Amino acid sequence: MKCDWCPPKLNAEFPPCFQIYRGVNKGANPGNIHHLHYLASRLKPEFFDGLVLDYKHRLAPNKIITANWILSHNQPAGFRFGGTYVSRIHENILQTPTIHANINPSTMSTNVGIVYFPFRCLRIEADLQRAADDAPLQTQSTIEYRGGLTTLTLDMYNVRAETGRTTLSFLRSVSEHLALGGEWLLEWTDPTSIMTDTAFAARYKLHDFSLASTISRQGIDVSFWSQVHPKIQMATMWAWQRKTSKSVGTICYKWDFEDAYVKGMFDSNLSVGFTYARTVSHLPVSVAMNLLINLHTNRFIFGLKFSLDPSGLQRDKIY
C-alpha cells in the first residue's frame, strides 16, 4: 500500500495511512502549538532497551489488530494486544470516528482512545489509561479547531475537582512563512491552590529549514531543522529550565536510504546514540537496532526491535 502523500504519523497507535487531519488549507494553517518543534524533535532517536516484538495485521479495510511483547529493564515488560477500528474508510485512508485500544492480559492495564472529526475543521480526541495497580485513571481530552490561518486547541489532563491541568493554545499564520501564538496554563493540586502561566511561541519556516521557539516563565525551548541534502536532515535543539537553572543542547540527524534509515544524536550531557532501521526485502518484516551511551557515567542501553506486518501497513515507513 503505497502512500507517499499521506500525512506524517504523529501517533504510534495508528498506521502511517491514518489521516489525522483532513485537508483544511494545509498550505496556510500552521498546525497546533504542541507540534511547533515537530520537524526537529522527530529526528531524535527513540531509544528502547532490550527486545521488542511488534505485530500488525489488517483483518478488514477498517479493522486492524496489534500485538506487542517487550523484554526490558527500563520499560514495562510483558505482552499487550489490541487493535484499531474505524467506522469509515476512503481509498485506503482511515477516516473517523476511530477507536484504538490495547490491554495487558496479565495485569489488565488498558489504554483506550478515540479520534473524531464531527466537522472538517473540528477534532475531538480522548485517551484513557488504566494502570495495573490501584493508581487513579489517567485521562487526556482534546478539542481543536483548525481554520484557514488559525488553530485553537483546548487540552485537559486528569481533570478532577481535587487536581487537574488544562491548557488553551492559539497559533496563527501571520504570513506565508511566519506563525505566532501563545498558550495559557491552568493547574491545580487542590481546590484552593491554583497556578497559572503563559507561554509565547513563534516559528519561521521555509521548504528546507524551520526555526521555532517557545518562551515562558518556566523556561525556553529553541529548535532548528534543516534539509541539508535530499536524503539528510539535521536539527539542533536547546532547552533551558528556570527551576533547575540548567540547559541542554542536542544535535540530531537522519540519513535516509532506499529501504533503511539512520538516526543519531549527541547532547551536552555527553550522551551519544543512534538508531538503525530497515525493511527486509521480500518479507513483511522491519528491524531496528539502537545504542545509547553516556560518556560521563559510562553506562549504555542497547535494544532490538522486530516488526511483523503482513498487511504492509508500515511497509513504506519504518519506525
C-alpha atoms as a PDB file:
ATOM      1  CA  MET A   1       0.000   0.000   0.000  1.00  0.00           C
ATOM      2  CA  LYS A   2       1.979   2.976  -1.300  1.00  0.00           C
ATOM      3  CA  CYS A   3       1.203   6.234   0.469  1.00  0.00           C
ATOM      4  CA  ASP A   4       3.935   8.795  -0.154  1.00  0.00           C
ATOM      5  CA  TRP A   5       1.353  11.575   0.051  1.00  0.00           C
ATOM      6  CA  CYS A   6      -0.024  10.517   3.430  1.00  0.00           C
ATOM      7  CA  PRO A   7       0.485  12.903   6.378  1.00  0.00           C
ATOM      8  CA  PRO A   8       3.230  12.166   8.932  1.00  0.00           C
ATOM      9  CA  LYS A   9       2.429   9.525  11.517  1.00  0.00           C
ATOM     10  CA  LEU A  10       2.032  11.572  14.712  1.00  0.00           C
ATOM     11  CA  ASN A  11       0.673   8.857  16.975  1.00  0.00           C
ATOM     12  CA  ALA A  12       2.270   5.421  17.173  1.00  0.00           C
ATOM     13  CA  GLU A  13      -1.119   3.799  17.782  1.00  0.00           C
ATOM     14  CA  PHE A  14      -2.135   4.423  14.186  1.00  0.00           C
ATOM     15  CA  PRO A  15      -0.693   3.129  10.915  1.00  0.00           C
ATOM     16  CA  PRO A  16       1.008   5.668   8.621  1.00  0.00           C
ATOM     17  CA  CYS A  17      -2.017   5.984   6.356  1.00  0.00           C
ATOM     18  CA  PHE A  18      -4.273   7.218   9.145  1.00  0.00           C
ATOM     19  CA  GLN A  19      -5.405  10.687   8.118  1.00  0.00           C
ATOM     20  CA  ILE A  20      -5.208  12.559  11.424  1.00  0.00           C
ATOM     21  CA  TYR A  21      -6.050  15.924   9.901  1.00  0.00           C
ATOM     22  CA  ARG A  22      -8.272  16.026   6.876  1.00  0.00           C
ATOM     23  CA  GLY A  23      -7.324  18.668   4.322  1.00  0.00           C
ATOM     24  CA  VAL A  24      -8.013  22.118   5.758  1.00  0.00           C
ATOM     25  CA  ASN A  25      -5.858  24.557   3.785  1.00  0.00           C
ATOM     26  CA  LYS A  26      -2.702  22.604   4.549  1.00  0.00           C
ATOM     27  CA  GLY A  27      -0.539  25.284   2.975  1.00  0.00           C
ATOM     28  CA  ALA A  28      -1.851  28.084   5.224  1.00  0.00           C
ATOM     29  CA  ASN A  29      -2.833  26.506   8.544  1.00  0.00           C
ATOM     30  CA  PRO A  30       0.191  26.467  10.906  1.00  0.00           C
ATOM     31  CA  GLY A  31      -0.829  23.348  12.851  1.00  0.00           C
ATOM     32  CA  ASN A  32      -1.065  23.384  16.632  1.00  0.00           C
ATOM     33  CA  ILE A  33       1.400  24.722  19.153  1.00  0.00           C
ATOM     34  CA  HIS A  34       2.234  21.243  20.514  1.00  0.00           C
ATOM     35  CA  HIS A  35       3.871  20.325  17.191  1.00  0.00           C
ATOM     36  CA  LEU A  36       5.797  23.590  16.883  1.00  0.00           C
ATOM     37  CA  HIS A  37       9.133  21.745  17.260  1.00  0.00           C
ATOM     38  CA  TYR A  38       7.978  18.581  15.476  1.00  0.00           C
ATOM     39  CA  LEU A  39      10.306  18.831  12.472  1.00  0.00           C
ATOM     40  CA  ALA A  40      13.349  18.919  14.762  1.00  0.00           C
ATOM     41  CA  SER A  41      12.177  16.551  17.519  1.00  0.00           C
ATOM     42  CA  ARG A  42      11.231  13.764  15.076  1.00  0.00           C
ATOM     43  CA  LEU A  43      14.909  13.374  14.138  1.00  0.00           C
ATOM     44  CA  LYS A  44      15.854  12.451  17.704  1.00  0.00           C
ATOM     45  CA  PRO A  45      16.120   8.652  18.030  1.00  0.00           C
ATOM     46  CA  GLU A  46      13.516   6.939  20.205  1.00  0.00           C
ATOM     47  CA  PHE A  47      15.623   4.662  22.351  1.00  0.00           C
ATOM     48  CA  PHE A  48      14.323   1.372  23.753  1.00  0.00           C
ATOM     49  CA  ASP A  49      16.064  -1.192  25.918  1.00  0.00           C
ATOM     50  CA  GLY A  50      16.024  -4.966  25.475  1.00  0.00           C
ATOM     51  CA  LEU A  51      13.899  -6.814  22.929  1.00  0.00           C
ATOM     52  CA  VAL A  52      10.674  -5.575  21.321  1.00  0.00           C
ATOM     53  CA  LEU A  53       8.382  -7.603  19.033  1.00  0.00           C
ATOM     54  CA  ASP A  54       5.521  -5.863  17.183  1.00  0.00           C
ATOM     55  CA  TYR A  55       2.766  -7.382  15.064  1.00  0.00           C
ATOM     56  CA  LYS A  56       0.140  -5.570  12.971  1.00  0.00           C
ATOM     57  CA  HIS A  57      -2.393  -7.165  10.669  1.00  0.00           C
ATOM     58  CA  ARG A  58      -5.405  -5.855   8.762  1.00  0.00           C
ATOM     59  CA  LEU A  59      -8.417  -8.142   9.206  1.00  0.00           C
ATOM     60  CA  ALA A  60     -10.619  -5.895   7.067  1.00  0.00           C
ATOM     61  CA  PRO A  61     -10.258  -2.463   5.463  1.00  0.00           C
ATOM     62  CA  ASN A  62     -11.485  -0.868   8.707  1.00  0.00           C
ATOM     63  CA  LYS A  63     -10.204  -3.386  11.303  1.00  0.00           C
ATOM     64  CA  ILE A  64      -6.575  -3.765  12.410  1.00  0.00           C
ATOM     65  CA  ILE A  65      -5.244  -5.983  15.168  1.00  0.00           C
ATOM     66  CA  THR A  66      -1.977  -5.324  17.002  1.00  0.00           C
ATOM     67  CA  ALA A  67       0.233  -7.267  19.398  1.00  0.00           C
ATOM     68  CA  ASN A  68       3.357  -6.229  21.276  1.00  0.00           C
ATOM     69  CA  TRP A  69       5.839  -8.061  23.503  1.00  0.00           C
ATOM     70  CA  ILE A  70       8.611  -6.273  25.421  1.00  0.00           C
ATOM     71  CA  LEU A  71      11.517  -7.708  27.381  1.00  0.00           C
ATOM     72  CA  SER A  72      13.258  -4.783  29.062  1.00  0.00           C
ATOM     73  CA  HIS A  73      14.802  -3.456  32.271  1.00  0.00           C
ATOM     74  CA  ASN A  74      13.764   0.176  31.793  1.00  0.00           C
ATOM     75  CA  GLN A  75      10.296  -0.192  30.248  1.00  0.00           C
ATOM     76  CA  PRO A  76       7.204  -2.063  31.477  1.00  0.00           C
ATOM     77  CA  ALA A  77       7.759  -5.606  30.234  1.00  0.00           C
ATOM     78  CA  GLY A  78       5.067  -8.005  29.113  1.00  0.00           C
ATOM     79  CA  PHE A  79       2.615  -8.780  26.343  1.00  0.00           C
ATOM     80  CA  ARG A  80      -0.125  -6.474  25.031  1.00  0.00           C
ATOM     81  CA  PHE A  81      -2.703  -6.934  22.319  1.00  0.00           C
ATOM     82  CA  GLY A  82      -5.344  -4.662  20.867  1.00  0.00           C
ATOM     83  CA  GLY A  83      -6.490  -3.085  17.666  1.00  0.00           C
ATOM     84  CA  THR A  84      -7.831  -0.140  15.707  1.00  0.00           C
ATOM     85  CA  TYR A  85     -11.415   0.113  14.485  1.00  0.00           C
ATOM     86  CA  VAL A  86     -12.739   2.778  12.146  1.00  0.00           C
ATOM     87  CA  SER A  87     -16.313   3.257  11.005  1.00  0.00           C
ATOM     88  CA  ARG A  88     -15.359   4.672   7.607  1.00  0.00           C
ATOM     89  CA  ILE A  89     -12.537   4.270   5.099  1.00  0.00           C
ATOM     90  CA  HIS A  90     -11.890   6.115   1.842  1.00  0.00           C
ATOM     91  CA  GLU A  91      -9.297   4.837  -0.649  1.00  0.00           C
ATOM     92  CA  ASN A  92      -7.064   3.215   1.996  1.00  0.00           C
ATOM     93  CA  ILE A  93      -7.313   6.310   4.240  1.00  0.00           C
ATOM     94  CA  LEU A  94      -8.845   5.650   7.647  1.00  0.00           C
ATOM     95  CA  GLN A  95     -11.479   8.235   8.459  1.00  0.00           C
ATOM     96  CA  THR A  96     -13.138   8.994  11.804  1.00  0.00           C
ATOM     97  CA  PRO A  97     -14.532   8.211  14.306  1.00  0.00           C
ATOM     98  CA  THR A  98     -11.668   5.834  15.009  1.00  0.00           C
ATOM     99  CA  ILE A  99     -11.117   3.835  18.193  1.00  0.00           C
ATOM    100  CA  HIS A 100      -7.844   2.223  19.287  1.00  0.00           C
ATOM    101  CA  ALA A 101      -7.253   0.079  22.371  1.00  0.00           C
ATOM    102  CA  ASN A 102      -4.781  -2.376  23.874  1.00  0.00           C
ATOM    103  CA  ILE A 103      -4.566  -4.408  27.077  1.00  0.00           C
ATOM    104  CA  ASN A 104      -2.012  -6.375  29.073  1.00  0.00           C
ATOM    105  CA  PRO A 105      -3.842  -9.631  29.956  1.00  0.00           C
ATOM    106  CA  SER A 106      -1.592 -10.408  32.925  1.00  0.00           C
ATOM    107  CA  THR A 107      -2.006  -7.057  34.708  1.00  0.00           C
ATOM    108  CA  MET A 108      -5.209  -5.828  32.982  1.00  0.00           C
ATOM    109  CA  SER A 109      -3.619  -2.411  32.358  1.00  0.00           C
ATOM    110  CA  THR A 110      -5.544  -0.846  29.491  1.00  0.00           C
ATOM    111  CA  ASN A 111      -5.222   2.028  27.014  1.00  0.00           C
ATOM    112  CA  VAL A 112      -8.267   3.282  25.087  1.00  0.00           C
ATOM    113  CA  GLY A 113      -8.518   6.242  22.731  1.00  0.00           C
ATOM    114  CA  ILE A 114     -10.882   7.795  20.202  1.00  0.00           C
ATOM    115  CA  VAL A 115     -10.425  10.399  17.468  1.00  0.00           C
ATOM    116  CA  TYR A 116     -13.428  12.074  15.858  1.00  0.00           C
ATOM    117  CA  PHE A 117     -13.893  14.843  13.294  1.00  0.00           C
ATOM    118  CA  PRO A 118     -17.555  15.909  13.506  1.00  0.00           C
ATOM    119  CA  PHE A 119     -16.645  18.656  11.018  1.00  0.00           C
ATOM    120  CA  ARG A 120     -13.648  19.122   8.746  1.00  0.00           C
ATOM    121  CA  CYS A 121     -12.264  21.882  10.974  1.00  0.00           C
ATOM    122  CA  LEU A 122     -13.001  20.324  14.386  1.00  0.00           C
ATOM    123  CA  ARG A 123     -11.084  17.493  16.078  1.00  0.00           C
ATOM    124  CA  ILE A 124     -12.206  15.774  19.268  1.00  0.00           C
ATOM    125  CA  GLU A 125      -9.807  13.294  20.849  1.00  0.00           C
ATOM    126  CA  ALA A 126      -9.813  11.416  24.152  1.00  0.00           C
ATOM    127  CA  ASP A 127      -7.385   8.930  25.727  1.00  0.00           C
ATOM    128  CA  LEU A 128      -7.782   6.863  28.888  1.00  0.00           C
ATOM    129  CA  GLN A 129      -5.166   4.772  30.670  1.00  0.00           C
ATOM    130  CA  ARG A 130      -5.859   2.335  33.461  1.00  0.00           C
ATOM    131  CA  ALA A 131      -2.729   1.270  35.327  1.00  0.00           C
ATOM    132  CA  ALA A 132      -2.126  -2.249  36.631  1.00  0.00           C
ATOM    133  CA  ASP A 133      -2.342  -1.203  40.301  1.00  0.00           C
ATOM    134  CA  ASP A 134      -4.834   0.990  42.179  1.00  0.00           C
ATOM    135  CA  ALA A 135      -3.499   4.209  40.664  1.00  0.00           C
ATOM    136  CA  PRO A 136      -6.127   6.734  39.509  1.00  0.00           C
ATOM    137  CA  LEU A 137      -7.422   6.588  35.962  1.00  0.00           C
ATOM    138  CA  GLN A 138      -5.292   8.761  33.661  1.00  0.00           C
ATOM    139  CA  THR A 139      -7.261  10.811  31.123  1.00  0.00           C
ATOM    140  CA  GLN A 140      -6.469  13.292  28.387  1.00  0.00           C
ATOM    141  CA  SER A 141      -9.002  15.118  26.215  1.00  0.00           C
ATOM    142  CA  THR A 142      -8.505  17.496  23.298  1.00  0.00           C
ATOM    143  CA  ILE A 143     -10.827  19.805  21.402  1.00  0.00           C
ATOM    144  CA  GLU A 144      -9.191  21.532  18.449  1.00  0.00           C
ATOM    145  CA  TYR A 145     -10.456  23.976  15.847  1.00  0.00           C
ATOM    146  CA  ARG A 146      -8.451  24.444  12.628  1.00  0.00           C
ATOM    147  CA  GLY A 147      -9.368  27.370  10.432  1.00  0.00           C
ATOM    148  CA  GLY A 148      -7.744  28.695   7.320  1.00  0.00           C
ATOM    149  CA  LEU A 149      -4.967  30.564   9.180  1.00  0.00           C
ATOM    150  CA  THR A 150      -5.587  29.719  12.843  1.00  0.00           C
ATOM    151  CA  THR A 151      -5.526  26.749  15.209  1.00  0.00           C
ATOM    152  CA  LEU A 152      -7.186  26.886  18.638  1.00  0.00           C
ATOM    153  CA  THR A 153      -6.608  23.915  20.971  1.00  0.00           C
ATOM    154  CA  LEU A 154      -8.007  23.042  24.401  1.00  0.00           C
ATOM    155  CA  ASP A 155      -6.259  20.201  26.279  1.00  0.00           C
ATOM    156  CA  MET A 156      -7.405  18.729  29.587  1.00  0.00           C
ATOM    157  CA  TYR A 157      -5.200  16.368  31.611  1.00  0.00           C
ATOM    158  CA  ASN A 158      -6.646  14.314  34.503  1.00  0.00           C
ATOM    159  CA  VAL A 159      -9.234  16.983  35.259  1.00  0.00           C
ATOM    160  CA  ARG A 160     -10.876  16.350  38.635  1.00  0.00           C
ATOM    161  CA  ALA A 161     -12.226  18.509  41.453  1.00  0.00           C
ATOM    162  CA  GLU A 162      -9.061  17.941  43.525  1.00  0.00           C
ATOM    163  CA  THR A 163      -6.360  18.046  40.844  1.00  0.00           C
ATOM    164  CA  GLY A 164      -6.031  18.747  37.154  1.00  0.00           C
ATOM    165  CA  ARG A 165      -4.247  20.580  34.372  1.00  0.00           C
ATOM    166  CA  THR A 166      -5.676  22.479  31.406  1.00  0.00           C
ATOM    167  CA  THR A 167      -4.019  24.355  28.557  1.00  0.00           C
ATOM    168  CA  LEU A 168      -5.515  26.669  25.956  1.00  0.00           C
ATOM    169  CA  SER A 169      -3.256  27.368  22.974  1.00  0.00           C
ATOM    170  CA  PHE A 170      -3.508  29.569  19.903  1.00  0.00           C
ATOM    171  CA  LEU A 171      -1.331  29.586  16.774  1.00  0.00           C
ATOM    172  CA  ARG A 172      -1.838  31.781  13.709  1.00  0.00           C
ATOM    173  CA  SER A 173      -0.059  32.249  10.393  1.00  0.00           C
ATOM    174  CA  VAL A 174       0.719  35.949  10.097  1.00  0.00           C
ATOM    175  CA  SER A 175       2.478  35.424   6.761  1.00  0.00           C
ATOM    176  CA  GLU A 176       3.372  32.609   4.390  1.00  0.00           C
ATOM    177  CA  HIS A 177       6.424  31.657   6.477  1.00  0.00           C
ATOM    178  CA  LEU A 178       5.804  33.115   9.965  1.00  0.00           C
ATOM    179  CA  ALA A 179       3.465  31.769  12.661  1.00  0.00           C
ATOM    180  CA  LEU A 180       2.905  33.317  16.098  1.00  0.00           C
ATOM    181  CA  GLY A 181       0.927  32.080  19.070  1.00  0.00           C
ATOM    182  CA  GLY A 182       0.643  31.536  22.782  1.00  0.00           C
ATOM    183  CA  GLU A 183      -0.511  29.122  25.440  1.00  0.00           C
ATOM    184  CA  TRP A 184      -2.270  29.662  28.765  1.00  0.00           C
ATOM    185  CA  LEU A 185      -1.835  27.060  31.528  1.00  0.00           C
ATOM    186  CA  LEU A 186      -4.179  26.447  34.464  1.00  0.00           C
ATOM    187  CA  GLU A 187      -3.101  23.827  37.015  1.00  0.00           C
ATOM    188  CA  TRP A 188      -4.405  22.953  40.473  1.00  0.00           C
ATOM    189  CA  THR A 189      -3.184  20.429  43.061  1.00  0.00           C
ATOM    190  CA  ASP A 190      -6.132  21.065  45.391  1.00  0.00           C
ATOM    191  CA  PRO A 191      -9.259  23.244  45.134  1.00  0.00           C
ATOM    192  CA  THR A 192      -7.516  26.142  46.924  1.00  0.00           C
ATOM    193  CA  SER A 193      -4.142  26.017  45.125  1.00  0.00           C
ATOM    194  CA  ILE A 194      -4.294  27.262  41.528  1.00  0.00           C
ATOM    195  CA  MET A 195      -1.297  28.062  39.338  1.00  0.00           C
ATOM    196  CA  THR A 196      -1.385  29.869  36.014  1.00  0.00           C
ATOM    197  CA  ASP A 197       1.319  30.508  33.435  1.00  0.00           C
ATOM    198  CA  THR A 198       1.617  31.930  29.945  1.00  0.00           C
ATOM    199  CA  ALA A 199       3.934  30.933  27.102  1.00  0.00           C
ATOM    200  CA  PHE A 200       4.628  32.596  23.768  1.00  0.00           C
ATOM    201  CA  ALA A 201       5.597  30.767  20.578  1.00  0.00           C
ATOM    202  CA  ALA A 202       6.962  31.630  17.160  1.00  0.00           C
ATOM    203  CA  ARG A 203       8.084  29.696  14.083  1.00  0.00           C
ATOM    204  CA  TYR A 204       9.689  30.757  10.826  1.00  0.00           C
ATOM    205  CA  LYS A 205       9.565  28.052   8.176  1.00  0.00           C
ATOM    206  CA  LEU A 206      10.722  27.606   4.596  1.00  0.00           C
ATOM    207  CA  HIS A 207      10.678  24.463   2.471  1.00  0.00           C
ATOM    208  CA  ASP A 208      14.145  23.395   3.613  1.00  0.00           C
ATOM    209  CA  PHE A 209      14.502  24.800   7.133  1.00  0.00           C
ATOM    210  CA  SER A 210      12.490  25.765  10.205  1.00  0.00           C
ATOM    211  CA  LEU A 211      13.302  27.856  13.290  1.00  0.00           C
ATOM    212  CA  ALA A 212      10.928  27.632  16.275  1.00  0.00           C
ATOM    213  CA  SER A 213      10.952  28.951  19.830  1.00  0.00           C
ATOM    214  CA  THR A 214       8.724  28.922  22.926  1.00  0.00           C
ATOM    215  CA  ILE A 215       9.291  31.208  25.926  1.00  0.00           C
ATOM    216  CA  SER A 216       7.617  31.226  29.334  1.00  0.00           C
ATOM    217  CA  ARG A 217       8.474  31.978  32.960  1.00  0.00           C
ATOM    218  CA  GLN A 218       9.432  28.317  33.386  1.00  0.00           C
ATOM    219  CA  GLY A 219      11.965  28.124  30.577  1.00  0.00           C
ATOM    220  CA  ILE A 220      12.936  28.493  26.929  1.00  0.00           C
ATOM    221  CA  ASP A 221      12.912  25.987  24.054  1.00  0.00           C
ATOM    222  CA  VAL A 222      14.549  26.644  20.695  1.00  0.00           C
ATOM    223  CA  SER A 223      14.794  24.274  17.722  1.00  0.00           C
ATOM    224  CA  PHE A 224      16.303  24.495  14.250  1.00  0.00           C
ATOM    225  CA  TRP A 225      15.676  21.982  11.441  1.00  0.00           C
ATOM    226  CA  SER A 226      17.306  21.883   8.018  1.00  0.00           C
ATOM    227  CA  GLN A 227      17.149  19.663   4.927  1.00  0.00           C
ATOM    228  CA  VAL A 228      20.854  19.752   4.060  1.00  0.00           C
ATOM    229  CA  HIS A 229      20.541  17.052   1.362  1.00  0.00           C
ATOM    230  CA  PRO A 230      17.606  15.251  -0.290  1.00  0.00           C
ATOM    231  CA  LYS A 231      18.378  12.288   1.991  1.00  0.00           C
ATOM    232  CA  ILE A 232      19.919  14.028   5.010  1.00  0.00           C
ATOM    233  CA  GLN A 233      18.188  16.139   7.659  1.00  0.00           C
ATOM    234  CA  MET A 234      19.790  17.833  10.650  1.00  0.00           C
ATOM    235  CA  ALA A 235      18.349  19.519  13.735  1.00  0.00           C
ATOM    236  CA  THR A 236      19.581  21.417  16.767  1.00  0.00           C
ATOM    237  CA  MET A 237      17.559  21.775  19.968  1.00  0.00           C
ATOM    238  CA  TRP A 238      18.271  23.812  23.088  1.00  0.00           C
ATOM    239  CA  ALA A 239      16.213  23.948  26.278  1.00  0.00           C
ATOM    240  CA  TRP A 240      16.651  25.925  29.496  1.00  0.00           C
ATOM    241  CA  GLN A 241      14.641  25.300  32.661  1.00  0.00           C
ATOM    242  CA  ARG A 242      14.281  28.028  35.246  1.00  0.00           C
ATOM    243  CA  LYS A 243      13.565  25.681  38.161  1.00  0.00           C
ATOM    244  CA  THR A 244      16.883  23.833  37.837  1.00  0.00           C
ATOM    245  CA  SER A 245      18.840  26.649  36.125  1.00  0.00           C
ATOM    246  CA  LYS A 246      20.188  24.056  33.716  1.00  0.00           C
ATOM    247  CA  SER A 247      20.212  23.881  29.938  1.00  0.00           C
ATOM    248  CA  VAL A 248      20.621  21.033  27.461  1.00  0.00           C
ATOM    249  CA  GLY A 249      21.670  21.262  23.835  1.00  0.00           C
ATOM    250  CA  THR A 250      21.140  18.426  21.355  1.00  0.00           C
ATOM    251  CA  ILE A 251      22.294  17.837  17.778  1.00  0.00           C
ATOM    252  CA  CYS A 252      20.394  15.227  15.732  1.00  0.00           C
ATOM    253  CA  TYR A 253      20.465  13.933  12.193  1.00  0.00           C
ATOM    254  CA  LYS A 254      18.616  11.469   9.970  1.00  0.00           C
ATOM    255  CA  TRP A 255      20.053   9.803   6.872  1.00  0.00           C
ATOM    256  CA  ASP A 256      17.534   8.072   4.608  1.00  0.00           C
ATOM    257  CA  PHE A 257      18.376   5.163   2.339  1.00  0.00           C
ATOM    258  CA  GLU A 258      16.209   3.261  -0.133  1.00  0.00           C
ATOM    259  CA  ASP A 259      14.914   0.763   2.431  1.00  0.00           C
ATOM    260  CA  ALA A 260      16.533   1.973   5.658  1.00  0.00           C
ATOM    261  CA  TYR A 261      17.463   4.999   7.723  1.00  0.00           C
ATOM    262  CA  VAL A 262      19.942   6.035  10.410  1.00  0.00           C
ATOM    263  CA  LYS A 263      19.168   8.483  13.212  1.00  0.00           C
ATOM    264  CA  GLY A 264      21.843   9.849  15.519  1.00  0.00           C
ATOM    265  CA  MET A 265      22.177  12.353  18.357  1.00  0.00           C
ATOM    266  CA  PHE A 266      24.700  13.994  20.673  1.00  0.00           C
ATOM    267  CA  ASP A 267      23.832  16.259  23.607  1.00  0.00           C
ATOM    268  CA  SER A 268      25.603  18.453  26.137  1.00  0.00           C
ATOM    269  CA  ASN A 269      25.140  15.792  28.848  1.00  0.00           C
ATOM    270  CA  LEU A 270      27.693  13.704  26.881  1.00  0.00           C
ATOM    271  CA  SER A 271      25.088  11.234  25.657  1.00  0.00           C
ATOM    272  CA  VAL A 272      25.713   9.718  22.214  1.00  0.00           C
ATOM    273  CA  GLY A 273      23.291   7.409  20.455  1.00  0.00           C
ATOM    274  CA  PHE A 274      21.986   6.124  17.146  1.00  0.00           C
ATOM    275  CA  THR A 275      19.172   4.054  15.663  1.00  0.00           C
ATOM    276  CA  TYR A 276      19.427   1.951  12.511  1.00  0.00           C
ATOM    277  CA  ALA A 277      16.241   0.545  10.965  1.00  0.00           C
ATOM    278  CA  ARG A 278      15.444  -1.166   7.689  1.00  0.00           C
ATOM    279  CA  THR A 279      12.873  -3.337   5.977  1.00  0.00           C
ATOM    280  CA  VAL A 280      13.760  -6.875   4.915  1.00  0.00           C
ATOM    281  CA  SER A 281      13.476  -7.463   1.180  1.00  0.00           C
ATOM    282  CA  HIS A 282      10.588  -9.722   0.088  1.00  0.00           C
ATOM    283  CA  LEU A 283       9.459 -10.170   3.719  1.00  0.00           C
ATOM    284  CA  PRO A 284       6.874  -8.180   5.717  1.00  0.00           C
ATOM    285  CA  VAL A 285       9.425  -7.529   8.454  1.00  0.00           C
ATOM    286  CA  SER A 286      11.323  -4.440   9.584  1.00  0.00           C
ATOM    287  CA  VAL A 287      14.237  -4.496  12.015  1.00  0.00           C
ATOM    288  CA  ALA A 288      15.542  -1.690  14.221  1.00  0.00           C
ATOM    289  CA  MET A 289      18.615  -1.503  16.439  1.00  0.00           C
ATOM    290  CA  ASN A 290      19.648   1.271  18.787  1.00  0.00           C
ATOM    291  CA  LEU A 291      22.501   2.113  21.148  1.00  0.00           C
ATOM    292  CA  LEU A 292      22.754   4.971  23.662  1.00  0.00           C
ATOM    293  CA  ILE A 293      25.957   5.676  25.616  1.00  0.00           C
ATOM    294  CA  ASN A 294      26.567   8.296  28.296  1.00  0.00           C
ATOM    295  CA  LEU A 295      30.257   9.162  28.267  1.00  0.00           C
ATOM    296  CA  HIS A 296      30.057  10.820  31.685  1.00  0.00           C
ATOM    297  CA  THR A 297      28.575   7.861  33.612  1.00  0.00           C
ATOM    298  CA  ASN A 298      29.963   5.203  31.238  1.00  0.00           C
ATOM    299  CA  ARG A 299      26.532   3.499  31.027  1.00  0.00           C
ATOM    300  CA  PHE A 300      24.689   2.364  27.911  1.00  0.00           C
ATOM    301  CA  ILE A 301      21.447   0.794  26.710  1.00  0.00           C
ATOM    302  CA  PHE A 302      21.010  -1.462  23.698  1.00  0.00           C
ATOM    303  CA  GLY A 303      17.797  -2.591  22.048  1.00  0.00           C
ATOM    304  CA  LEU A 304      16.467  -4.660  19.156  1.00  0.00           C
ATOM    305  CA  LYS A 305      13.010  -4.323  17.618  1.00  0.00           C
ATOM    306  CA  PHE A 306      11.300  -6.617  15.102  1.00  0.00           C
ATOM    307  CA  SER A 307       8.053  -5.524  13.426  1.00  0.00           C
ATOM    308  CA  LEU A 308       5.971  -8.094  11.564  1.00  0.00           C
ATOM    309  CA  ASP A 309       3.486  -6.500   9.189  1.00  0.00           C
ATOM    310  CA  PRO A 310       1.807  -8.988   6.794  1.00  0.00           C
ATOM    311  CA  SER A 311      -0.658  -6.365   5.549  1.00  0.00           C
ATOM    312  CA  GLY A 312       2.038  -3.895   4.566  1.00  0.00           C
ATOM    313  CA  LEU A 313       0.584  -1.102   6.714  1.00  0.00           C
ATOM    314  CA  GLN A 314       4.049   0.252   7.543  1.00  0.00           C
ATOM    315  CA  ARG A 315       5.947  -1.027   4.528  1.00  0.00           C
ATOM    316  CA  ASP A 316       6.803   2.470   3.331  1.00  0.00           C
ATOM    317  CA  LYS A 317       7.579   3.886   6.779  1.00  0.00           C
ATOM    318  CA  ILE A 318       9.974   2.409   9.370  1.00  0.00           C
ATOM    319  CA  TYR A 319       9.889   3.467  12.988  1.00  0.00           C
END
